[in-house]
Amino acid sequence: MNPSPPAVPRTLVAGIGNIFLGDDGFGVETARRLAERDLPGHTEVVDIGVRGVHLAYQLLDGYDTLVLVDATARGGAPGTLYVIEHETGGGSRSPGPPALDGHRMTPDTVLALLGTLCAGTGGEPPRRVLVVGCEPASVEEGIGLSAPVSDAVPEAVRLIEELLLDEAPGESAPRATAGGTPT
């Protein structure tokens, strides 16, 4: 008799970024603060930093939703938050194998690697991938977030908590849009 799948979908929140490049540390700091919060039991928060390959392998453990938290330059004012729903699966694109440079693993590269790993293992990628991004002021060498990005971290924590509630069983109304929405 095969065990039945878990009744509650699992969500992984992954903070991405390099703390030695100023505002690129936004995802790491947001994940750190989020990990201190009382989150739904189906949620796991990890500080991935620049270990994109590690993230791809962790996703093989089976998650229904992935929330990537990262600095995201989209042309807005520094500190502007975005929620972007990443297109998963489907489509006719047939990308080549992902370039494995452990220091330059963008979310797209991580997801491409995950697709390759899933094809080889029979695993399933997350059904839904969201990116919670923050417009950086500077990603030059240096430790510490700029004032507008630092001020955006508590708001990002609140926003992610709302997204996690939307992922809770019995609730299915997505809050993010395909093109990303400033908040």
Protein backbone atom coordinates (compact mmCIF):
# COMPACT_ATOMS: atom_id res chain seq x y z
CA MET A 1 0.00 0.00 0.00
CA ASN A 2 1.46 3.33 -1.05
CA PRO A 3 1.39 6.15 1.48
CA SER A 4 -0.96 8.97 0.57
CA PRO A 5 0.48 12.41 -0.17
CA PRO A 6 0.46 14.96 2.62
CA ALA A 7 -2.93 16.56 3.17
CA VAL A 8 -1.45 20.04 3.55
CA PRO A 9 0.53 21.50 0.64
CA ARG A 10 4.07 22.47 1.62
CA THR A 11 5.49 25.94 1.00
CA LEU A 12 9.14 26.91 0.89
CA VAL A 13 10.15 30.55 1.35
CA ALA A 14 13.73 31.05 0.15
CA GLY A 15 15.74 34.20 0.84
CA ILE A 16 18.21 34.75 -2.00
CA GLY A 17 21.08 37.19 -2.27
CA ASN A 18 24.61 38.16 -1.37
CA ILE A 19 24.95 40.07 1.90
CA PHE A 20 28.31 41.45 0.71
CA LEU A 21 26.64 43.38 -2.13
CA GLY A 22 24.50 45.94 -0.29
CA ASP A 23 20.82 45.66 -1.16
CA ASP A 24 21.35 42.25 -2.76
CA GLY A 25 21.06 41.00 0.84
CA PHE A 26 17.34 41.93 0.92
CA GLY A 27 16.14 38.33 0.51
CA VAL A 28 18.47 36.99 3.18
CA GLU A 29 17.44 39.66 5.72
CA THR A 30 13.75 39.21 4.95
CA ALA A 31 14.03 35.42 5.40
CA ARG A 32 15.86 35.94 8.70
CA ARG A 33 13.07 38.14 10.04
CA LEU A 34 10.34 35.91 8.65
CA ALA A 35 11.88 32.86 10.37
CA GLU A 36 11.31 34.64 13.72
CA ARG A 37 7.56 34.84 13.06
CA ASP A 38 4.79 32.37 13.89
CA LEU A 39 4.04 30.94 10.43
CA PRO A 40 1.59 28.30 9.24
CA GLY A 41 2.84 24.75 9.86
CA HIS A 42 3.05 23.99 6.15
CA THR A 43 5.73 26.68 5.69
CA GLU A 44 9.51 26.36 5.78
CA VAL A 45 11.79 29.41 5.59
CA VAL A 46 15.41 29.07 4.47
CA ASP A 47 18.29 31.46 3.91
CA ILE A 48 19.69 30.27 0.59
CA GLY A 49 21.97 33.25 0.02
CA VAL A 50 24.01 32.46 -3.10
CA ARG A 51 23.59 28.66 -2.89
CA GLY A 52 21.22 28.25 -5.84
CA VAL A 53 22.24 24.66 -6.52
CA HIS A 54 21.35 23.82 -2.90
CA LEU A 55 17.90 25.36 -3.44
CA ALA A 56 17.28 23.25 -6.55
CA TYR A 57 18.13 20.06 -4.67
CA GLN A 58 16.03 21.07 -1.65
CA LEU A 59 13.02 21.57 -3.92
CA LEU A 60 13.24 17.89 -4.86
CA ASP A 61 11.84 17.20 -1.36
CA GLY A 62 8.45 18.23 -2.75
CA TYR A 63 6.86 21.64 -2.28
CA ASP A 64 3.57 22.85 -3.70
CA THR A 65 4.59 26.52 -3.59
CA LEU A 66 7.94 28.28 -3.72
CA VAL A 67 8.28 31.91 -2.65
CA LEU A 68 11.62 33.41 -3.72
CA VAL A 69 12.62 36.61 -1.90
CA ASP A 70 15.25 38.63 -3.73
CA ALA A 71 16.41 42.09 -4.79
CA THR A 72 14.63 42.73 -8.09
CA ALA A 73 15.53 45.68 -10.30
CA ARG A 74 12.45 46.64 -12.31
CA GLY A 75 12.93 50.41 -12.57
CA GLY A 76 10.90 51.54 -9.56
CA ALA A 77 11.99 53.67 -6.64
CA PRO A 78 14.39 51.95 -4.23
CA GLY A 79 12.42 50.01 -1.63
CA THR A 80 9.46 49.34 -3.94
CA LEU A 81 8.11 45.82 -3.40
CA TYR A 82 6.93 43.56 -6.21
CA VAL A 83 5.04 40.28 -6.29
CA ILE A 84 5.64 38.37 -9.50
CA GLU A 85 4.03 35.06 -10.36
CA HIS A 86 6.60 33.02 -12.27
CA GLU A 87 5.28 30.95 -15.16
CA THR A 88 5.75 27.27 -14.32
CA GLY A 89 5.76 24.44 -16.82
CA GLY A 90 3.81 24.42 -20.03
CA GLY A 91 4.88 26.37 -23.08
CA SER A 92 6.98 25.13 -25.93
CA ARG A 93 10.31 26.48 -24.75
CA SER A 94 13.05 23.92 -24.67
CA PRO A 95 15.96 25.59 -22.92
CA GLY A 96 19.36 23.98 -22.97
CA PRO A 97 20.93 22.70 -19.78
CA PRO A 98 21.39 25.42 -17.15
CA ALA A 99 24.82 26.94 -16.71
CA LEU A 100 26.11 25.78 -13.33
CA ASP A 101 27.94 28.73 -11.87
CA GLY A 102 27.27 28.56 -8.14
CA HIS A 103 27.80 32.31 -7.73
CA ARG A 104 25.46 33.41 -10.53
CA MET A 105 22.43 31.18 -10.08
CA THR A 106 19.45 33.42 -10.87
CA PRO A 107 15.97 32.19 -9.92
CA ASP A 108 15.37 31.28 -13.60
CA THR A 109 18.57 29.22 -13.67
CA VAL A 110 17.63 27.47 -10.40
CA LEU A 111 14.20 26.59 -11.81
CA ALA A 112 15.76 25.33 -15.06
CA LEU A 113 18.13 23.14 -13.05
CA LEU A 114 15.19 21.91 -10.98
CA GLY A 115 13.37 20.96 -14.19
CA THR A 116 16.39 18.93 -15.29
CA LEU A 117 16.66 17.26 -11.87
CA CYS A 118 12.94 16.45 -11.80
CA ALA A 119 13.14 14.90 -15.26
CA GLY A 120 15.96 12.68 -14.05
CA THR A 121 14.37 11.69 -10.73
CA GLY A 122 10.66 11.68 -11.51
CA GLY A 123 10.13 14.47 -8.97
CA GLU A 124 7.66 17.29 -9.36
CA PRO A 125 8.56 21.00 -9.37
CA PRO A 126 6.46 23.41 -7.29
CA ARG A 127 3.01 24.07 -8.74
CA ARG A 128 3.31 27.77 -8.00
CA VAL A 129 6.38 30.01 -7.89
CA LEU A 130 6.17 33.57 -6.57
CA VAL A 131 8.94 36.13 -6.41
CA VAL A 132 8.72 38.81 -3.74
CA GLY A 133 11.22 41.37 -4.91
CA CYS A 134 12.48 44.70 -3.69
CA GLU A 135 13.90 47.43 -5.90
CA PRO A 136 17.52 47.92 -4.78
CA ALA A 137 19.23 51.27 -4.38
CA SER A 138 22.73 49.80 -4.67
CA VAL A 139 24.25 46.36 -5.21
CA GLU A 140 27.83 47.58 -4.96
CA GLU A 141 30.31 45.90 -2.60
CA GLY A 142 29.45 46.60 1.00
CA ILE A 143 27.58 45.08 3.91
CA GLY A 144 24.19 46.45 4.91
CA LEU A 145 20.98 47.47 3.25
CA SER A 146 20.27 51.02 2.11
CA ALA A 147 17.67 52.94 4.13
CA PRO A 148 14.78 52.48 1.66
CA VAL A 149 15.42 48.74 1.28
CA SER A 150 15.87 48.26 5.03
CA ASP A 151 12.57 50.10 5.58
CA ALA A 152 10.88 47.74 3.08
CA VAL A 153 11.86 44.54 4.94
CA PRO A 154 9.05 44.67 7.58
CA GLU A 155 6.52 45.36 4.81
CA ALA A 156 7.90 42.43 2.81
CA VAL A 157 7.50 40.18 5.86
CA ARG A 158 3.86 41.28 6.18
CA LEU A 159 3.28 40.75 2.45
CA ILE A 160 4.76 37.24 2.54
CA GLU A 161 2.63 36.38 5.59
CA GLU A 162 -0.46 37.38 3.56
CA LEU A 163 0.69 35.25 0.63
CA LEU A 164 1.18 32.30 2.98
CA LEU A 165 -2.36 32.69 4.28
CA ASP A 166 -3.57 32.58 0.68
CA GLU A 167 -1.75 29.24 0.30
CA ALA A 168 -3.42 27.78 3.40
CA PRO A 169 -5.84 24.91 2.77
CA GLY A 170 -9.28 26.07 1.73
CA GLU A 171 -8.08 29.38 0.34
CA SER A 172 -7.22 29.63 -3.32
CA ALA A 173 -7.50 33.28 -4.37
CA PRO A 174 -4.11 34.31 -5.74
CA ARG A 175 -2.97 37.81 -4.76
CA ALA A 176 -0.14 38.19 -7.26
CA THR A 177 -0.38 39.04 -10.93
CA ALA A 178 1.63 37.69 -13.83
CA GLY A 179 3.35 41.01 -14.53
CA GLY A 180 4.20 41.88 -10.96
CA THR A 181 2.51 44.52 -8.90
CA PRO A 182 4.18 47.24 -6.87
CA THR A 183 2.79 47.44 -3.34
